[in-house]
Amino acid sequence: GKERKFVAAISRSGRTIRYTDSVKGRFTMSRDNSKN
């Protein structure tokens, strides 16, 4: 019943990551471009 909300985003290289305030310090986003 609620809208989809942003949690985290990561740039193509993985060097830039952004989090919504409620998950900062608890969630970590990462990517492995070799594993897609």
Full PDB file with SEQRES, HELIX, SHEET, SSBOND, CRYST1, ORIGX, SCALE, CONECT and MASTER records, all heavy atoms in Angstrom:
SEQRES   1 A   36  GLY LYS GLU ARG LYS PHE VAL ALA ALA ILE SER ARG SER          
SEQRES   2 A   36  GLY ARG THR ILE ARG TYR THR ASP SER VAL LYS GLY ARG          
SEQRES   3 A   36  PHE THR MET SER ARG ASP ASN SER LYS ASN                      
HELIX    1 AA1 ASP A   21  VAL A   23  5                                   3    
SHEET    1 AA1 2 ALA A   8  ILE A  10  0                                        
SHEET    2 AA1 2 ILE A  17  TYR A  19 -1                                        
CRYST1    1.000    1.000    1.000  90.00  90.00  90.00 P 1           1          
ORIGX1      1.000000  0.000000  0.000000        0.00000                         
ORIGX2      0.000000  1.000000  0.000000        0.00000                         
ORIGX3      0.000000  0.000000  1.000000        0.00000                         
SCALE1      1.000000  0.000000  0.000000        0.00000                         
SCALE2      0.000000  1.000000  0.000000        0.00000                         
SCALE3      0.000000  0.000000  1.000000        0.00000                         
ATOM      1  N   GLY A   1       0.772  -1.229   0.000  1.00  0.00           N  
ATOM      2  CA  GLY A   1       0.000   0.000   0.000  1.00  0.00           C  
ATOM      3  C   GLY A   1       0.803   1.278   0.000  1.00  0.00           C  
ATOM      4  O   GLY A   1       0.237   2.368   0.027  1.00  0.00           O  
ATOM      5  N   LYS A   2       2.131   1.136  -0.039  1.00  0.00           N  
ATOM      6  CA  LYS A   2       2.974   2.326  -0.016  1.00  0.00           C  
ATOM      7  C   LYS A   2       3.841   2.380  -1.262  1.00  0.00           C  
ATOM      8  O   LYS A   2       4.038   1.397  -1.956  1.00  0.00           O  
ATOM      9  CB  LYS A   2       3.828   2.334   1.242  1.00  0.00           C  
ATOM     10  CG  LYS A   2       2.998   2.421   2.505  1.00  0.00           C  
ATOM     11  CD  LYS A   2       3.840   2.786   3.702  1.00  0.00           C  
ATOM     12  CE  LYS A   2       2.973   2.991   4.940  1.00  0.00           C  
ATOM     13  NZ  LYS A   2       3.773   3.360   6.131  1.00  0.00           N  
ATOM     14  N   GLU A   3       4.374   3.557  -1.534  1.00  0.00           N  
ATOM     15  CA  GLU A   3       5.192   3.726  -2.724  1.00  0.00           C  
ATOM     16  C   GLU A   3       6.571   3.101  -2.512  1.00  0.00           C  
ATOM     17  O   GLU A   3       7.024   2.930  -1.386  1.00  0.00           O  
ATOM     18  CB  GLU A   3       5.350   5.211  -3.053  1.00  0.00           C  
ATOM     19  CG  GLU A   3       6.045   6.025  -1.984  1.00  0.00           C  
ATOM     20  CD  GLU A   3       6.086   7.507  -2.320  1.00  0.00           C  
ATOM     21  OE1 GLU A   3       5.294   7.948  -3.169  1.00  0.00           O  
ATOM     22  OE2 GLU A   3       6.911   8.210  -1.724  1.00  0.00           O  
ATOM     23  N   ARG A   4       7.193   2.795  -3.620  1.00  0.00           N  
ATOM     24  CA  ARG A   4       8.543   2.238  -3.582  1.00  0.00           C  
ATOM     25  C   ARG A   4       9.521   3.340  -3.168  1.00  0.00           C  
ATOM     26  O   ARG A   4       9.500   4.436  -3.729  1.00  0.00           O  
ATOM     27  CB  ARG A   4       8.889   1.692  -4.968  1.00  0.00           C  
ATOM     28  CG  ARG A   4      10.022   0.729  -4.998  1.00  0.00           C  
ATOM     29  CD  ARG A   4      10.071   0.011  -6.339  1.00  0.00           C  
ATOM     30  NE  ARG A   4       8.905  -0.856  -6.533  1.00  0.00           N  
ATOM     31  CZ  ARG A   4       8.774  -1.688  -7.552  1.00  0.00           C  
ATOM     32  NH1 ARG A   4       9.744  -1.771  -8.468  1.00  0.00           N  
ATOM     33  NH2 ARG A   4       7.710  -2.444  -7.674  1.00  0.00           N  
ATOM     34  N   LYS A   5      10.389   3.021  -2.206  1.00  0.00           N  
ATOM     35  CA  LYS A   5      11.274   4.040  -1.658  1.00  0.00           C  
ATOM     36  C   LYS A   5      12.743   3.702  -1.871  1.00  0.00           C  
ATOM     37  O   LYS A   5      13.148   2.541  -1.811  1.00  0.00           O  
ATOM     38  CB  LYS A   5      11.002   4.230  -0.167  1.00  0.00           C  
ATOM     39  CG  LYS A   5       9.630   4.816   0.132  1.00  0.00           C  
ATOM     40  CD  LYS A   5       9.468   5.109   1.608  1.00  0.00           C  
ATOM     41  CE  LYS A   5       8.129   5.772   1.894  1.00  0.00           C  
ATOM     42  NZ  LYS A   5       7.947   6.054   3.337  1.00  0.00           N  
ATOM     43  N   PHE A   6      13.528   4.722  -2.061  1.00  0.00           N  
ATOM     44  CA  PHE A   6      14.962   4.600  -2.277  1.00  0.00           C  
ATOM     45  C   PHE A   6      15.675   4.084  -1.031  1.00  0.00           C  
ATOM     46  O   PHE A   6      15.391   4.529   0.078  1.00  0.00           O  
ATOM     47  CB  PHE A   6      15.524   5.970  -2.668  1.00  0.00           C  
ATOM     48  CG  PHE A   6      17.014   6.040  -2.727  1.00  0.00           C  
ATOM     49  CD1 PHE A   6      17.705   5.414  -3.752  1.00  0.00           C  
ATOM     50  CD2 PHE A   6      17.727   6.729  -1.766  1.00  0.00           C  
ATOM     51  CE1 PHE A   6      19.087   5.481  -3.807  1.00  0.00           C  
ATOM     52  CE2 PHE A   6      19.105   6.804  -1.810  1.00  0.00           C  
ATOM     53  CZ  PHE A   6      19.787   6.181  -2.845  1.00  0.00           C  
ATOM     54  N   VAL A   7      16.600   3.155  -1.247  1.00  0.00           N  
ATOM     55  CA  VAL A   7      17.431   2.644  -0.158  1.00  0.00           C  
ATOM     56  C   VAL A   7      18.895   3.026  -0.383  1.00  0.00           C  
ATOM     57  O   VAL A   7      19.540   3.605   0.492  1.00  0.00           O  
ATOM     58  CB  VAL A   7      17.314   1.118  -0.033  1.00  0.00           C  
ATOM     59  CG1 VAL A   7      18.275   0.587   1.033  1.00  0.00           C  
ATOM     60  CG2 VAL A   7      15.880   0.711   0.297  1.00  0.00           C  
ATOM     61  N   ALA A   8      19.433   2.693  -1.560  1.00  0.00           N  
ATOM     62  CA  ALA A   8      20.841   2.950  -1.835  1.00  0.00           C  
ATOM     63  C   ALA A   8      21.070   2.942  -3.339  1.00  0.00           C  
ATOM     64  O   ALA A   8      20.288   2.352  -4.095  1.00  0.00           O  
ATOM     65  CB  ALA A   8      21.726   1.901  -1.168  1.00  0.00           C  
ATOM     66  N   ALA A   9      22.151   3.609  -3.749  1.00  0.00           N  
ATOM     67  CA  ALA A   9      22.529   3.613  -5.157  1.00  0.00           C  
ATOM     68  C   ALA A   9      24.045   3.624  -5.263  1.00  0.00           C  
ATOM     69  O   ALA A   9      24.738   4.130  -4.378  1.00  0.00           O  
ATOM     70  CB  ALA A   9      21.941   4.825  -5.875  1.00  0.00           C  
ATOM     71  N   ILE A  10      24.534   3.074  -6.366  1.00  0.00           N  
ATOM     72  CA  ILE A  10      25.974   2.982  -6.573  1.00  0.00           C  
ATOM     73  C   ILE A  10      26.300   3.341  -8.014  1.00  0.00           C  
ATOM     74  O   ILE A  10      25.561   3.012  -8.933  1.00  0.00           O  
ATOM     75  CB  ILE A  10      26.471   1.561  -6.218  1.00  0.00           C  
ATOM     76  CG1 ILE A  10      27.987   1.496  -6.160  1.00  0.00           C  
ATOM     77  CG2 ILE A  10      25.911   0.525  -7.195  1.00  0.00           C  
ATOM     78  CD1 ILE A  10      28.499   0.197  -5.515  1.00  0.00           C  
ATOM     79  N   SER A  11      27.413   4.037  -8.183  1.00  0.00           N  
ATOM     80  CA  SER A  11      27.834   4.454  -9.519  1.00  0.00           C  
ATOM     81  C   SER A  11      28.395   3.279 -10.303  1.00  0.00           C  
ATOM     82  O   SER A  11      28.601   2.189  -9.769  1.00  0.00           O  
ATOM     83  CB  SER A  11      28.894   5.555  -9.398  1.00  0.00           C  
ATOM     84  OG  SER A  11      30.060   5.047  -8.753  1.00  0.00           O  
ATOM     85  N   ARG A  12      28.662   3.515 -11.566  1.00  0.00           N  
ATOM     86  CA  ARG A  12      29.162   2.470 -12.455  1.00  0.00           C  
ATOM     87  C   ARG A  12      30.477   1.872 -11.953  1.00  0.00           C  
ATOM     88  O   ARG A  12      30.676   0.666 -12.027  1.00  0.00           O  
ATOM     89  CB  ARG A  12      29.342   3.029 -13.860  1.00  0.00           C  
ATOM     90  CG  ARG A  12      28.041   3.359 -14.553  1.00  0.00           C  
ATOM     91  CD  ARG A  12      28.257   4.328 -15.709  1.00  0.00           C  
ATOM     92  NE  ARG A  12      26.979   4.678 -16.321  1.00  0.00           N  
ATOM     93  CZ  ARG A  12      26.109   5.519 -15.791  1.00  0.00           C  
ATOM     94  NH1 ARG A  12      26.362   6.113 -14.643  1.00  0.00           N  
ATOM     95  NH2 ARG A  12      24.972   5.778 -16.419  1.00  0.00           N  
ATOM     96  N   SER A  13      31.333   2.713 -11.440  1.00  0.00           N  
ATOM     97  CA  SER A  13      32.635   2.239 -10.971  1.00  0.00           C  
ATOM     98  C   SER A  13      32.579   1.662  -9.571  1.00  0.00           C  
ATOM     99  O   SER A  13      33.482   0.945  -9.149  1.00  0.00           O  
ATOM    100  CB  SER A  13      33.639   3.399 -10.987  1.00  0.00           C  
ATOM    101  OG  SER A  13      33.251   4.363 -10.012  1.00  0.00           O  
ATOM    102  N   GLY A  14      31.529   2.012  -8.828  1.00  0.00           N  
ATOM    103  CA  GLY A  14      31.428   1.591  -7.435  1.00  0.00           C  
ATOM    104  C   GLY A  14      32.034   2.581  -6.464  1.00  0.00           C  
ATOM    105  O   GLY A  14      31.977   2.370  -5.246  1.00  0.00           O  
ATOM    106  N   ARG A  15      32.596   3.665  -6.979  1.00  0.00           N  
ATOM    107  CA  ARG A  15      33.285   4.611  -6.097  1.00  0.00           C  
ATOM    108  C   ARG A  15      32.326   5.552  -5.381  1.00  0.00           C  
ATOM    109  O   ARG A  15      32.654   6.080  -4.325  1.00  0.00           O  
ATOM    110  CB  ARG A  15      34.320   5.404  -6.893  1.00  0.00           C  
ATOM    111  CG  ARG A  15      35.546   4.596  -7.278  1.00  0.00           C  
ATOM    112  CD  ARG A  15      36.657   5.513  -7.767  1.00  0.00           C  
ATOM    113  NE  ARG A  15      36.328   6.107  -9.065  1.00  0.00           N  
ATOM    114  CZ  ARG A  15      36.705   5.590 -10.228  1.00  0.00           C  
ATOM    115  NH1 ARG A  15      37.400   4.467 -10.258  1.00  0.00           N  
ATOM    116  NH2 ARG A  15      36.400   6.188 -11.353  1.00  0.00           N  
ATOM    117  N   THR A  16      31.155   5.759  -5.964  1.00  0.00           N  
ATOM    118  CA  THR A  16      30.179   6.656  -5.352  1.00  0.00           C  
ATOM    119  C   THR A  16      28.964   5.853  -4.909  1.00  0.00           C  
ATOM    120  O   THR A  16      28.363   5.143  -5.715  1.00  0.00           O  
ATOM    121  CB  THR A  16      29.737   7.747  -6.329  1.00  0.00           C  
ATOM    122  OG1 THR A  16      30.890   8.487  -6.759  1.00  0.00           O  
ATOM    123  CG2 THR A  16      28.745   8.691  -5.670  1.00  0.00           C  
ATOM    124  N   ILE A  17      28.636   5.968  -3.636  1.00  0.00           N  
ATOM    125  CA  ILE A  17      27.494   5.239  -3.077  1.00  0.00           C  
ATOM    126  C   ILE A  17      26.679   6.213  -2.233  1.00  0.00           C  
ATOM    127  O   ILE A  17      27.242   7.027  -1.494  1.00  0.00           O  
ATOM    128  CB  ILE A  17      27.956   4.056  -2.202  1.00  0.00           C  
ATOM    129  CG1 ILE A  17      28.936   3.169  -2.962  1.00  0.00           C  
ATOM    130  CG2 ILE A  17      26.751   3.226  -1.761  1.00  0.00           C  
ATOM    131  CD1 ILE A  17      29.592   2.093  -2.115  1.00  0.00           C  
ATOM    132  N   ARG A  18      25.389   6.117  -2.345  1.00  0.00           N  
ATOM    133  CA  ARG A  18      24.471   6.960  -1.582  1.00  0.00           C  
ATOM    134  C   ARG A  18      23.458   6.089  -0.861  1.00  0.00           C  
ATOM    135  O   ARG A  18      23.036   5.067  -1.381  1.00  0.00           O  
ATOM    136  CB  ARG A  18      23.753   7.937  -2.508  1.00  0.00           C  
ATOM    137  CG  ARG A  18      24.677   8.920  -3.212  1.00  0.00           C  
ATOM    138  CD  ARG A  18      25.218   9.958  -2.257  1.00  0.00           C  
ATOM    139  NE  ARG A  18      26.000  10.982  -2.955  1.00  0.00           N  
ATOM    140  CZ  ARG A  18      27.304  10.999  -3.012  1.00  0.00           C  
ATOM    141  NH1 ARG A  18      27.997  10.028  -2.413  1.00  0.00           N  
ATOM    142  NH2 ARG A  18      27.936  11.961  -3.646  1.00  0.00           N  
ATOM    143  N   TYR A  19      23.060   6.531   0.339  1.00  0.00           N  
ATOM    144  CA  TYR A  19      22.099   5.800   1.145  1.00  0.00           C  
ATOM    145  C   TYR A  19      21.002   6.725   1.656  1.00  0.00           C  
ATOM    146  O   TYR A  19      21.251   7.909   1.930  1.00  0.00           O  
ATOM    147  CB  TYR A  19      22.775   5.164   2.371  1.00  0.00           C  
ATOM    148  CG  TYR A  19      23.887   4.201   2.054  1.00  0.00           C  
ATOM    149  CD1 TYR A  19      25.214   4.623   2.045  1.00  0.00           C  
ATOM    150  CD2 TYR A  19      23.612   2.866   1.769  1.00  0.00           C  
ATOM    151  CE1 TYR A  19      26.239   3.744   1.759  1.00  0.00           C  
ATOM    152  CE2 TYR A  19      24.645   1.974   1.483  1.00  0.00           C  
ATOM    153  CZ  TYR A  19      25.952   2.429   1.482  1.00  0.00           C  
ATOM    154  OH  TYR A  19      26.957   1.548   1.188  1.00  0.00           O  
ATOM    155  N   THR A  20      19.820   6.171   1.835  1.00  0.00           N  
ATOM    156  CA  THR A  20      18.816   6.924   2.541  1.00  0.00           C  
ATOM    157  C   THR A  20      19.218   6.985   4.023  1.00  0.00           C  
ATOM    158  O   THR A  20      19.891   6.080   4.536  1.00  0.00           O  
ATOM    159  CB  THR A  20      17.433   6.292   2.357  1.00  0.00           C  
ATOM    160  OG1 THR A  20      16.427   7.184   2.801  1.00  0.00           O  
ATOM    161  CG2 THR A  20      17.309   4.968   3.096  1.00  0.00           C  
ATOM    162  N   ASP A  21      18.794   8.030   4.702  1.00  0.00           N  
ATOM    163  CA  ASP A  21      19.273   8.262   6.077  1.00  0.00           C  
ATOM    164  C   ASP A  21      18.978   7.101   7.020  1.00  0.00           C  
ATOM    165  O   ASP A  21      19.776   6.784   7.905  1.00  0.00           O  
ATOM    166  CB  ASP A  21      18.643   9.538   6.627  1.00  0.00           C  
ATOM    167  CG  ASP A  21      19.258  10.794   6.029  1.00  0.00           C  
ATOM    168  OD1 ASP A  21      20.331  10.692   5.410  1.00  0.00           O  
ATOM    169  OD2 ASP A  21      18.658  11.867   6.184  1.00  0.00           O  
ATOM    170  N   SER A  22      17.852   6.445   6.849  1.00  0.00           N  
ATOM    171  CA  SER A  22      17.433   5.424   7.804  1.00  0.00           C  
ATOM    172  C   SER A  22      18.296   4.165   7.775  1.00  0.00           C  
ATOM    173  O   SER A  22      18.217   3.346   8.699  1.00  0.00           O  
ATOM    174  CB  SER A  22      15.975   5.049   7.574  1.00  0.00           C  
ATOM    175  OG  SER A  22      15.803   4.496   6.286  1.00  0.00           O  
ATOM    176  N   VAL A  23      19.122   4.005   6.741  1.00  0.00           N  
ATOM    177  CA  VAL A  23      19.961   2.800   6.661  1.00  0.00           C  
ATOM    178  C   VAL A  23      21.449   3.104   6.767  1.00  0.00           C  
ATOM    179  O   VAL A  23      22.268   2.179   6.800  1.00  0.00           O  
ATOM    180  CB  VAL A  23      19.686   2.000   5.364  1.00  0.00           C  
ATOM    181  CG1 VAL A  23      18.198   1.735   5.198  1.00  0.00           C  
ATOM    182  CG2 VAL A  23      20.258   2.692   4.135  1.00  0.00           C  
ATOM    183  N   LYS A  24      21.795   4.376   6.832  1.00  0.00           N  
ATOM    184  CA  LYS A  24      23.209   4.742   6.929  1.00  0.00           C  
ATOM    185  C   LYS A  24      23.838   4.119   8.176  1.00  0.00           C  
ATOM    186  O   LYS A  24      23.271   4.170   9.260  1.00  0.00           O  
ATOM    187  CB  LYS A  24      23.361   6.262   6.969  1.00  0.00           C  
ATOM    188  CG  LYS A  24      23.147   6.929   5.630  1.00  0.00           C  
ATOM    189  CD  LYS A  24      23.301   8.452   5.736  1.00  0.00           C  
ATOM    190  CE  LYS A  24      23.065   9.098   4.397  1.00  0.00           C  
ATOM    191  NZ  LYS A  24      23.116  10.586   4.486  1.00  0.00           N  
ATOM    192  N   GLY A  25      25.020   3.543   8.003  1.00  0.00           N  
ATOM    193  CA  GLY A  25      25.715   2.896   9.109  1.00  0.00           C  
ATOM    194  C   GLY A  25      25.298   1.456   9.336  1.00  0.00           C  
ATOM    195  O   GLY A  25      25.953   0.732  10.095  1.00  0.00           O  
ATOM    196  N   ARG A  26      24.212   1.017   8.700  1.00  0.00           N  
ATOM    197  CA  ARG A  26      23.736  -0.363   8.858  1.00  0.00           C  
ATOM    198  C   ARG A  26      23.803  -1.143   7.546  1.00  0.00           C  
ATOM    199  O   ARG A  26      24.090  -2.340   7.556  1.00  0.00           O  
ATOM    200  CB  ARG A  26      22.291  -0.371   9.368  1.00  0.00           C  
ATOM    201  CG  ARG A  26      22.105   0.295  10.708  1.00  0.00           C  
ATOM    202  CD  ARG A  26      20.699   0.062  11.250  1.00  0.00           C  
ATOM    203  NE  ARG A  26      19.665   0.604  10.365  1.00  0.00           N  
ATOM    204  CZ  ARG A  26      18.683  -0.123   9.827  1.00  0.00           C  
ATOM    205  NH1 ARG A  26      18.597  -1.417  10.074  1.00  0.00           N  
ATOM    206  NH2 ARG A  26      17.779   0.450   9.050  1.00  0.00           N  
ATOM    207  N   PHE A  27      23.532  -0.485   6.436  1.00  0.00           N  
ATOM    208  CA  PHE A  27      23.519  -1.144   5.131  1.00  0.00           C  
ATOM    209  C   PHE A  27      24.744  -0.726   4.329  1.00  0.00           C  
ATOM    210  O   PHE A  27      25.191   0.423   4.415  1.00  0.00           O  
ATOM    211  CB  PHE A  27      22.267  -0.757   4.342  1.00  0.00           C  
ATOM    212  CG  PHE A  27      20.975  -1.323   4.861  1.00  0.00           C  
ATOM    213  CD1 PHE A  27      20.887  -1.937   6.098  1.00  0.00           C  
ATOM    214  CD2 PHE A  27      19.827  -1.236   4.088  1.00  0.00           C  
ATOM    215  CE1 PHE A  27      19.690  -2.445   6.572  1.00  0.00           C  
ATOM    216  CE2 PHE A  27      18.606  -1.741   4.531  1.00  0.00           C  
ATOM    217  CZ  PHE A  27      18.542  -2.336   5.776  1.00  0.00           C  
ATOM    218  N   THR A  28      25.250  -1.651   3.545  1.00  0.00           N  
ATOM    219  CA  THR A  28      26.369  -1.371   2.658  1.00  0.00           C  
ATOM    220  C   THR A  28      26.068  -1.929   1.276  1.00  0.00           C  
ATOM    221  O   THR A  28      25.815  -3.129   1.123  1.00  0.00           O  
ATOM    222  CB  THR A  28      27.662  -1.994   3.180  1.00  0.00           C  
ATOM    223  OG1 THR A  28      27.952  -1.492   4.497  1.00  0.00           O  
ATOM    224  CG2 THR A  28      28.834  -1.645   2.256  1.00  0.00           C  
ATOM    225  N   MET A  29      26.104  -1.059   0.297  1.00  0.00           N  
ATOM    226  CA  MET A  29      25.906  -1.484  -1.092  1.00  0.00           C  
ATOM    227  C   MET A  29      27.251  -1.611  -1.769  1.00  0.00           C  
ATOM    228  O   MET A  29      28.151  -0.793  -1.553  1.00  0.00           O  
ATOM    229  CB  MET A  29      25.037  -0.474  -1.835  1.00  0.00           C  
ATOM    230  CG  MET A  29      24.652  -0.913  -3.232  1.00  0.00           C  
ATOM    231  SD  MET A  29      23.485   0.236  -3.983  1.00  0.00           S  
ATOM    232  CE  MET A  29      23.126  -0.623  -5.534  1.00  0.00           C  
ATOM    233  N   SER A  30      27.386  -2.634  -2.607  1.00  0.00           N  
ATOM    234  CA  SER A  30      28.622  -2.825  -3.350  1.00  0.00           C  
ATOM    235  C   SER A  30      28.296  -3.489  -4.678  1.00  0.00           C  
ATOM    236  O   SER A  30      27.173  -3.948  -4.892  1.00  0.00           O  
ATOM    237  CB  SER A  30      29.610  -3.674  -2.548  1.00  0.00           C  
ATOM    238  OG  SER A  30      29.071  -4.962  -2.304  1.00  0.00           O  
ATOM    239  N   ARG A  31      29.290  -3.528  -5.554  1.00  0.00           N  
ATOM    240  CA  ARG A  31      29.089  -4.188  -6.845  1.00  0.00           C  
ATOM    241  C   ARG A  31      30.371  -4.881  -7.254  1.00  0.00           C  
ATOM    242  O   ARG A  31      31.478  -4.449  -6.898  1.00  0.00           O  
ATOM    243  CB  ARG A  31      28.641  -3.190  -7.921  1.00  0.00           C  
ATOM    244  CG  ARG A  31      29.671  -2.157  -8.304  1.00  0.00           C  
ATOM    245  CD  ARG A  31      29.042  -1.101  -9.234  1.00  0.00           C  
ATOM    246  NE  ARG A  31      28.615  -1.668 -10.497  1.00  0.00           N  
ATOM    247  CZ  ARG A  31      27.731  -1.059 -11.312  1.00  0.00           C  
ATOM    248  NH1 ARG A  31      27.214   0.125 -10.962  1.00  0.00           N  
ATOM    249  NH2 ARG A  31      27.389  -1.627 -12.454  1.00  0.00           N  
ATOM    250  N   ASP A  32      30.189  -5.945  -8.023  1.00  0.00           N  
ATOM    251  CA  ASP A  32      31.309  -6.674  -8.604  1.00  0.00           C  
ATOM    252  C   ASP A  32      31.055  -6.725 -10.104  1.00  0.00           C  
ATOM    253  O   ASP A  32      30.262  -7.544 -10.581  1.00  0.00           O  
ATOM    254  CB  ASP A  32      31.408  -8.077  -8.016  1.00  0.00           C  
ATOM    255  CG  ASP A  32      32.641  -8.820  -8.473  1.00  0.00           C  
ATOM    256  OD1 ASP A  32      33.206  -8.481  -9.530  1.00  0.00           O  
ATOM    257  OD2 ASP A  32      33.033  -9.768  -7.775  1.00  0.00           O  
ATOM    258  N   ASN A  33      31.721  -5.850 -10.834  1.00  0.00           N  
ATOM    259  CA  ASN A  33      31.470  -5.768 -12.273  1.00  0.00           C  
ATOM    260  C   ASN A  33      31.959  -7.013 -13.015  1.00  0.00           C  
ATOM    261  O   ASN A  33      31.497  -7.299 -14.118  1.00  0.00           O  
ATOM    262  CB  ASN A  33      32.110  -4.509 -12.846  1.00  0.00           C  
ATOM    263  CG  ASN A  33      31.326  -3.255 -12.468  1.00  0.00           C  
ATOM    264  OD1 ASN A  33      30.190  -3.336 -12.003  1.00  0.00           O  
ATOM    265  ND2 ASN A  33      31.938  -2.096 -12.658  1.00  0.00           N  
ATOM    266  N   SER A  34      32.864  -7.766 -12.420  1.00  0.00           N  
ATOM    267  CA  SER A  34      33.326  -9.000 -13.060  1.00  0.00           C  
ATOM    268  C   SER A  34      32.289 -10.113 -12.946  1.00  0.00           C  
ATOM    269  O   SER A  34      32.317 -11.078 -13.714  1.00  0.00           O  
ATOM    270  CB  SER A  34      34.642  -9.456 -12.442  1.00  0.00           C  
ATOM    271  OG  SER A  34      34.448  -9.906 -11.106  1.00  0.00           O  
ATOM    272  N   LYS A  35      31.369  -9.959 -11.987  1.00  0.00           N  
ATOM    273  CA  LYS A  35      30.318 -10.959 -11.788  1.00  0.00           C  
ATOM    274  C   LYS A  35      28.934 -10.444 -12.160  1.00  0.00           C  
ATOM    275  O   LYS A  35      27.941 -11.143 -11.948  1.00  0.00           O  
ATOM    276  CB  LYS A  35      30.317 -11.413 -10.324  1.00  0.00           C  
ATOM    277  CG  LYS A  35      31.577 -12.131  -9.902  1.00  0.00           C  
ATOM    278  CD  LYS A  35      31.489 -12.596  -8.464  1.00  0.00           C  
ATOM    279  CE  LYS A  35      32.740 -13.360  -8.063  1.00  0.00           C  
ATOM    280  NZ  LYS A  35      32.676 -13.819  -6.646  1.00  0.00           N  
ATOM    281  N   ASN A  36      28.870  -9.229 -12.676  1.00  0.00           N  
ATOM    282  CA  ASN A  36      27.581  -8.625 -13.046  1.00  0.00           C  
ATOM    283  C   ASN A  36      26.589  -8.670 -11.890  1.00  0.00           C  
ATOM    284  O   ASN A  36      25.404  -8.983 -12.072  1.00  0.00           O  
ATOM    285  CB  ASN A  36      26.980  -9.319 -14.271  1.00  0.00           C  
ATOM    286  CG  ASN A  36      27.752  -9.035 -15.541  1.00  0.00           C  
ATOM    287  OD1 ASN A  36      28.728  -8.287 -15.532  1.00  0.00           O  
ATOM    288  ND2 ASN A  36      27.346  -9.646 -16.638  1.00  0.00           N  
TER     289      ASN A  36                                                      
MASTER        0    0    0    1    2    0    0    6  288    1    0    3          
END                                                                             
